[in-house]
C-alpha atoms as a PDB file:
ATOM      1  CA  MET A   1       3.397 170.017 -26.458  1.00  0.00           C
ATOM      2  CA  ARG A   2       0.574 172.528 -26.928  1.00  0.00           C
ATOM      3  CA  ILE A   3       0.603 174.138 -30.350  1.00  0.00           C
ATOM      4  CA  MET A   4      -1.432 177.157 -31.428  1.00  0.00           C
ATOM      5  CA  VAL A   5      -2.202 177.166 -35.146  1.00  0.00           C
ATOM      6  CA  LEU A   6      -3.217 180.335 -36.995  1.00  0.00           C
ATOM      7  CA  SER A   7      -4.341 181.219 -40.498  1.00  0.00           C
ATOM      8  CA  ASP A   8      -5.967 183.828 -42.752  1.00  0.00           C
ATOM      9  CA  VAL A   9      -7.688 186.087 -40.208  1.00  0.00           C
ATOM     10  CA  ALA A  10      -5.922 187.825 -37.309  1.00  0.00           C
ATOM     11  CA  ASP A  11      -7.762 186.914 -34.116  1.00  0.00           C
ATOM     12  CA  LYS A  12      -9.077 190.067 -32.413  1.00  0.00           C
ATOM     13  CA  ALA A  13      -8.799 188.365 -29.016  1.00  0.00           C
ATOM     14  CA  LEU A  14      -5.036 188.280 -29.535  1.00  0.00           C
ATOM     15  CA  TRP A  15      -4.328 191.360 -31.659  1.00  0.00           C
ATOM     16  CA  ASP A  16      -6.939 193.953 -30.673  1.00  0.00           C
ATOM     17  CA  TYR A  17      -7.615 192.934 -27.068  1.00  0.00           C
ATOM     18  CA  LEU A  18      -4.452 190.928 -26.243  1.00  0.00           C
ATOM     19  CA  ASP A  19      -5.969 188.281 -24.006  1.00  0.00           C
ATOM     20  CA  ARG A  20      -2.640 186.883 -22.746  1.00  0.00           C
ATOM     21  CA  ARG A  21      -4.410 183.894 -21.192  1.00  0.00           C
ATOM     22  CA  LEU A  22      -4.782 182.501 -24.722  1.00  0.00           C
ATOM     23  CA  LEU A  23      -0.975 182.235 -24.978  1.00  0.00           C
ATOM     24  CA  GLU A  24      -0.469 180.571 -21.580  1.00  0.00           C
ATOM     25  CA  GLY A  25       0.948 177.057 -21.881  1.00  0.00           C
ATOM     26  CA  ILE A  26       1.542 177.370 -25.631  1.00  0.00           C
ATOM     27  CA  ASP A  27       4.874 175.781 -26.619  1.00  0.00           C
ATOM     28  CA  LEU A  28       4.817 176.465 -30.365  1.00  0.00           C
ATOM     29  CA  ILE A  29       2.863 178.662 -32.783  1.00  0.00           C
ATOM     30  CA  LEU A  30       2.359 177.675 -36.429  1.00  0.00           C
ATOM     31  CA  SER A  31       1.091 180.124 -39.044  1.00  0.00           C
ATOM     32  CA  CYS A  32      -0.446 178.723 -42.234  1.00  0.00           C
ATOM     33  CA  GLY A  33      -0.211 182.053 -44.041  1.00  0.00           C
ATOM     34  CA  ASP A  34      -2.245 185.029 -45.240  1.00  0.00           C
ATOM     35  CA  LEU A  35      -1.759 186.844 -41.945  1.00  0.00           C
ATOM     36  CA  PRO A  36      -0.281 190.338 -41.571  1.00  0.00           C
ATOM     37  CA  ALA A  37       3.443 190.200 -40.839  1.00  0.00           C
ATOM     38  CA  GLU A  38       2.842 192.787 -38.102  1.00  0.00           C
ATOM     39  CA  TYR A  39       0.426 190.405 -36.349  1.00  0.00           C
ATOM     40  CA  LEU A  40       2.995 187.612 -36.132  1.00  0.00           C
ATOM     41  CA  SER A  41       5.718 190.071 -35.082  1.00  0.00           C
ATOM     42  CA  PHE A  42       3.377 191.417 -32.386  1.00  0.00           C
ATOM     43  CA  LEU A  43       2.825 187.925 -30.975  1.00  0.00           C
ATOM     44  CA  THR A  44       6.580 187.386 -30.540  1.00  0.00           C
ATOM     45  CA  CYS A  45       6.531 190.149 -27.909  1.00  0.00           C
ATOM     46  CA  PHE A  46       4.133 188.226 -25.673  1.00  0.00           C
ATOM     47  CA  THR A  47       5.287 184.614 -25.887  1.00  0.00           C
ATOM     48  CA  ASP A  48       8.500 182.630 -25.666  1.00  0.00           C
ATOM     49  CA  ALA A  49       7.023 180.026 -28.019  1.00  0.00           C
ATOM     50  CA  PRO A  50       8.775 179.875 -31.408  1.00  0.00           C
ATOM     51  CA  ILE A  51       6.589 181.063 -34.285  1.00  0.00           C
ATOM     52  CA  LEU A  52       7.025 179.113 -37.526  1.00  0.00           C
ATOM     53  CA  TYR A  53       5.272 180.109 -40.725  1.00  0.00           C
ATOM     54  CA  VAL A  54       4.706 179.277 -44.365  1.00  0.00           C
ATOM     55  CA  HIS A  55       3.556 181.729 -47.015  1.00  0.00           C
ATOM     56  CA  GLY A  56      -0.068 182.059 -47.994  1.00  0.00           C
ATOM     57  CA  ASN A  57      -1.035 182.947 -51.537  1.00  0.00           C
ATOM     58  CA  HIS A  58      -1.427 186.618 -50.497  1.00  0.00           C
ATOM     59  CA  ASP A  59       1.876 186.992 -48.627  1.00  0.00           C
ATOM     60  CA  ARG A  60       3.877 188.809 -51.281  1.00  0.00           C
ATOM     61  CA  ALA A  61       4.458 191.663 -48.779  1.00  0.00           C
ATOM     62  CA  TYR A  62       6.555 189.258 -46.655  1.00  0.00           C
ATOM     63  CA  ASP A  63       9.272 189.537 -49.320  1.00  0.00           C
ATOM     64  CA  LYS A  64       9.885 193.169 -48.346  1.00  0.00           C
ATOM     65  CA  LYS A  65       8.972 192.957 -44.664  1.00  0.00           C
ATOM     66  CA  PRO A  66       8.817 189.447 -43.205  1.00  0.00           C
ATOM     67  CA  PRO A  67       7.439 188.787 -39.715  1.00  0.00           C
ATOM     68  CA  GLU A  68      10.154 189.794 -37.250  1.00  0.00           C
ATOM     69  CA  GLY A  69      11.338 187.161 -34.800  1.00  0.00           C
ATOM     70  CA  CYS A  70       9.561 184.373 -36.699  1.00  0.00           C
ATOM     71  CA  ILE A  71      11.008 181.453 -38.671  1.00  0.00           C
ATOM     72  CA  CYS A  72       9.993 180.682 -42.254  1.00  0.00           C
ATOM     73  CA  VAL A  73       9.861 176.909 -42.779  1.00  0.00           C
ATOM     74  CA  ASP A  74       8.756 176.952 -46.410  1.00  0.00           C
ATOM     75  CA  ASP A  75      10.589 174.197 -48.303  1.00  0.00           C
ATOM     76  CA  ASP A  76      12.271 172.966 -45.131  1.00  0.00           C
ATOM     77  CA  ILE A  77      11.942 170.723 -42.090  1.00  0.00           C
ATOM     78  CA  TYR A  78      12.366 172.414 -38.736  1.00  0.00           C
ATOM     79  CA  GLU A  79      12.490 170.646 -35.381  1.00  0.00           C
ATOM     80  CA  VAL A  80      11.198 172.136 -32.126  1.00  0.00           C
ATOM     81  CA  GLY A  81      11.260 170.087 -28.924  1.00  0.00           C
ATOM     82  CA  GLY A  82      11.491 166.866 -30.914  1.00  0.00           C
ATOM     83  CA  VAL A  83       8.542 167.781 -33.175  1.00  0.00           C
ATOM     84  CA  ARG A  84       9.481 167.856 -36.875  1.00  0.00           C
ATOM     85  CA  VAL A  85       7.558 170.407 -38.959  1.00  0.00           C
ATOM     86  CA  LEU A  86       7.608 170.204 -42.768  1.00  0.00           C
ATOM     87  CA  GLY A  87       6.580 173.458 -44.477  1.00  0.00           C
ATOM     88  CA  LEU A  88       5.060 173.826 -47.961  1.00  0.00           C
ATOM     89  CA  GLY A  89       3.170 177.105 -48.323  1.00  0.00           C
ATOM     90  CA  GLY A  90       1.225 178.626 -51.178  1.00  0.00           C
ATOM     91  CA  SER A  91      -1.923 177.744 -53.078  1.00  0.00           C
ATOM     92  CA  MET A  92      -2.906 176.323 -56.431  1.00  0.00           C
ATOM     93  CA  ARG A  93      -1.945 178.686 -59.251  1.00  0.00           C
ATOM     94  CA  TYR A  94      -4.917 180.715 -60.469  1.00  0.00           C
ATOM     95  CA  ARG A  95      -3.088 183.886 -61.546  1.00  0.00           C
ATOM     96  CA  PRO A  96       0.178 184.177 -63.456  1.00  0.00           C
ATOM     97  CA  ASP A  97       3.325 185.671 -61.951  1.00  0.00           C
ATOM     98  CA  GLU A  98       2.340 185.229 -58.323  1.00  0.00           C
ATOM     99  CA  PRO A  99       5.257 183.964 -56.212  1.00  0.00           C
ATOM    100  CA  TYR A 100       3.191 181.839 -53.816  1.00  0.00           C
ATOM    101  CA  MET A 101       0.910 180.084 -56.286  1.00  0.00           C
ATOM    102  CA  PHE A 102       1.926 176.752 -57.781  1.00  0.00           C
ATOM    103  CA  THR A 103       0.771 174.119 -60.210  1.00  0.00           C
ATOM    104  CA  GLU A 104       0.472 170.551 -58.964  1.00  0.00           C
ATOM    105  CA  ARG A 105       3.717 169.743 -60.772  1.00  0.00           C
ATOM    106  CA  GLN A 106       5.563 172.652 -59.153  1.00  0.00           C
ATOM    107  CA  MET A 107       4.390 171.670 -55.660  1.00  0.00           C
ATOM    108  CA  ALA A 108       5.414 168.060 -56.297  1.00  0.00           C
ATOM    109  CA  ARG A 109       8.869 169.284 -57.361  1.00  0.00           C
ATOM    110  CA  ARG A 110       9.175 171.258 -54.111  1.00  0.00           C
ATOM    111  CA  ALA A 111       8.291 168.149 -52.121  1.00  0.00           C
ATOM    112  CA  ARG A 112      10.817 166.021 -54.040  1.00  0.00           C
ATOM    113  CA  ARG A 113      13.597 168.467 -53.186  1.00  0.00           C
ATOM    114  CA  LEU A 114      12.982 167.662 -49.503  1.00  0.00           C
ATOM    115  CA  TRP A 115      13.417 163.907 -49.973  1.00  0.00           C
ATOM    116  CA  PHE A 116      16.969 163.779 -48.571  1.00  0.00           C
ATOM    117  CA  LYS A 117      16.000 165.790 -45.481  1.00  0.00           C
ATOM    118  CA  LEU A 118      12.949 163.582 -44.971  1.00  0.00           C
ATOM    119  CA  ARG A 119      15.069 160.431 -45.108  1.00  0.00           C
ATOM    120  CA  ARG A 120      17.691 161.871 -42.776  1.00  0.00           C
ATOM    121  CA  ARG A 121      15.091 162.978 -40.212  1.00  0.00           C
ATOM    122  CA  LYS A 122      13.018 159.798 -40.668  1.00  0.00           C
ATOM    123  CA  GLY A 123       9.928 161.728 -41.704  1.00  0.00           C
ATOM    124  CA  PHE A 124       8.006 164.522 -40.029  1.00  0.00           C
ATOM    125  CA  ASP A 125       5.293 164.978 -37.406  1.00  0.00           C
ATOM    126  CA  ILE A 126       3.389 167.987 -38.778  1.00  0.00           C
ATOM    127  CA  LEU A 127       2.783 168.967 -42.392  1.00  0.00           C
ATOM    128  CA  LEU A 128       2.343 172.767 -42.326  1.00  0.00           C
ATOM    129  CA  THR A 129       0.754 174.158 -45.501  1.00  0.00           C
ATOM    130  CA  HIS A 130      -1.450 176.995 -46.650  1.00  0.00           C
ATOM    131  CA  ALA A 131      -3.595 175.048 -49.124  1.00  0.00           C
ATOM    132  CA  PRO A 132      -5.463 171.860 -48.197  1.00  0.00           C
ATOM    133  CA  ALA A 133      -4.827 168.392 -49.566  1.00  0.00           C
ATOM    134  CA  ARG A 134      -6.920 167.332 -52.555  1.00  0.00           C
ATOM    135  CA  GLY A 135     -10.283 166.017 -51.385  1.00  0.00           C
ATOM    136  CA  VAL A 136      -9.608 166.711 -47.689  1.00  0.00           C
ATOM    137  CA  GLY A 137     -11.183 170.062 -46.879  1.00  0.00           C
ATOM    138  CA  ASP A 138     -10.644 171.690 -50.262  1.00  0.00           C
ATOM    139  CA  MET A 139     -13.139 173.071 -52.779  1.00  0.00           C
ATOM    140  CA  GLU A 140     -13.678 172.403 -56.480  1.00  0.00           C
ATOM    141  CA  ASP A 141     -12.757 175.867 -57.763  1.00  0.00           C
ATOM    142  CA  ILE A 142      -9.095 176.135 -58.795  1.00  0.00           C
ATOM    143  CA  PRO A 143      -8.124 178.838 -56.246  1.00  0.00           C
ATOM    144  CA  HIS A 144      -9.228 176.604 -53.350  1.00  0.00           C
ATOM    145  CA  ARG A 145      -8.380 173.205 -54.805  1.00  0.00           C
ATOM    146  CA  GLY A 146      -5.973 171.121 -52.745  1.00  0.00           C
ATOM    147  CA  PHE A 147      -2.729 169.464 -53.791  1.00  0.00           C
ATOM    148  CA  GLU A 148      -2.505 165.733 -54.461  1.00  0.00           C
ATOM    149  CA  VAL A 149       1.158 165.676 -53.454  1.00  0.00           C
ATOM    150  CA  PHE A 150       0.102 166.373 -49.856  1.00  0.00           C
ATOM    151  CA  LEU A 151      -1.844 163.101 -49.913  1.00  0.00           C
ATOM    152  CA  ARG A 152       1.269 161.269 -51.106  1.00  0.00           C
ATOM    153  CA  LEU A 153       3.346 162.812 -48.336  1.00  0.00           C
ATOM    154  CA  MET A 154       0.821 161.682 -45.721  1.00  0.00           C
ATOM    155  CA  ASP A 155       0.569 158.210 -47.279  1.00  0.00           C
ATOM    156  CA  ARG A 156       4.353 157.786 -47.214  1.00  0.00           C
ATOM    157  CA  TRP A 157       5.304 159.361 -43.867  1.00  0.00           C
ATOM    158  CA  HIS A 158       2.133 159.139 -41.700  1.00  0.00           C
ATOM    159  CA  PRO A 159       2.510 162.468 -39.836  1.00  0.00           C
ATOM    160  CA  ARG A 160       0.398 163.030 -36.741  1.00  0.00           C
ATOM    161  CA  TYR A 161      -1.037 166.272 -38.131  1.00  0.00           C
ATOM    162  CA  MET A 162      -1.517 168.220 -41.317  1.00  0.00           C
ATOM    163  CA  VAL A 163      -2.323 171.875 -40.576  1.00  0.00           C
ATOM    164  CA  TYR A 164      -3.594 174.196 -43.325  1.00  0.00           C
ATOM    165  CA  GLY A 165      -5.645 177.361 -43.918  1.00  0.00           C
ATOM    166  CA  HIS A 166      -6.918 179.038 -47.085  1.00  0.00           C
ATOM    167  CA  VAL A 167     -10.489 177.637 -46.856  1.00  0.00           C
ATOM    168  CA  HIS A 168     -12.273 180.024 -44.509  1.00  0.00           C
ATOM    169  CA  GLN A 169     -15.068 179.212 -42.084  1.00  0.00           C
ATOM    170  CA  GLU A 170     -17.271 181.741 -43.888  1.00  0.00           C
ATOM    171  CA  TYR A 171     -17.308 179.478 -46.968  1.00  0.00           C
ATOM    172  CA  GLY A 172     -19.964 177.367 -45.253  1.00  0.00           C
ATOM    173  CA  ALA A 173     -20.521 174.414 -42.979  1.00  0.00           C
ATOM    174  CA  LEU A 174     -20.376 171.923 -45.858  1.00  0.00           C
ATOM    175  CA  THR A 175     -16.835 173.018 -46.694  1.00  0.00           C
ATOM    176  CA  PHE A 176     -15.377 173.954 -43.319  1.00  0.00           C
ATOM    177  CA  ALA A 177     -14.525 171.420 -40.629  1.00  0.00           C
ATOM    178  CA  ARG A 178     -11.981 172.130 -37.902  1.00  0.00           C
ATOM    179  CA  GLU A 179     -10.675 168.549 -37.892  1.00  0.00           C
ATOM    180  CA  ARG A 180     -10.846 165.647 -40.327  1.00  0.00           C
ATOM    181  CA  LYS A 181      -9.072 162.306 -40.533  1.00  0.00           C
ATOM    182  CA  TYR A 182      -6.981 161.116 -43.439  1.00  0.00           C
ATOM    183  CA  ALA A 183      -5.594 157.637 -42.729  1.00  0.00           C
ATOM    184  CA  ASP A 184      -3.306 158.074 -39.672  1.00  0.00           C
ATOM    185  CA  THR A 185      -3.229 161.871 -39.905  1.00  0.00           C
ATOM    186  CA  THR A 186      -5.478 164.392 -38.192  1.00  0.00           C
ATOM    187  CA  VAL A 187      -6.056 167.216 -40.692  1.00  0.00           C
ATOM    188  CA  VAL A 188      -6.706 170.578 -39.029  1.00  0.00           C
ATOM    189  CA  ASN A 189      -8.026 173.791 -40.581  1.00  0.00           C
ATOM    190  CA  ALA A 190      -6.164 176.555 -38.697  1.00  0.00           C
ATOM    191  CA  TYR A 191      -8.553 179.354 -39.685  1.00  0.00           C
ATOM    192  CA  LYS A 192      -8.158 182.239 -37.208  1.00  0.00           C
ATOM    193  CA  ARG A 193      -6.911 180.299 -34.130  1.00  0.00           C
ATOM    194  CA  TYR A 194      -6.967 176.736 -32.792  1.00  0.00           C
ATOM    195  CA  VAL A 195      -4.918 174.655 -30.350  1.00  0.00           C
ATOM    196  CA  ILE A 196      -3.668 171.098 -30.911  1.00  0.00           C
ATOM    197  CA  GLU A 197      -1.534 168.832 -28.739  1.00  0.00           C
ATOM    198  CA  ILE A 198       1.201 166.411 -29.717  1.00  0.00           C
END
């Protein structure tokens, strides 16, 4: 299965110039958040691949106008072609009263609520998030700090991939890496556009 992962910046090659060759052979599209709802809705017109998404910390507009034809997997496990995707969007809380910002404790509570589904489905193959895991592609400032609970999920269930966004390529070569390894899991920064296979 070929999976296109997206995050944070709408790719001009897809949105402005619509290079359809980029969508050829893609079986699934995963959005890690902070993308315009119109961009994801636009992509549904040019691919049969399901588009799954989680919320980024700036996706409050999705509450009024979510991406049409796309599936929100926040706080859920969704299976496509035998691939189980666990979604936990949002970032570390750095402003009060934002719906998609969470403390470590709040994110851990969200993960615990999925325990029964995880047991029933015998785990998951892809952890789809907006924020990184703590110490694996994150930064030290609170807005870009990763969640420790994501490490615990990977330690317990050994997914093939964790896919996240939030930490942009423009933040510098020392921070940004497209792929990293954490134990058995390949951790992928989905900034703009990237393709993985499972």
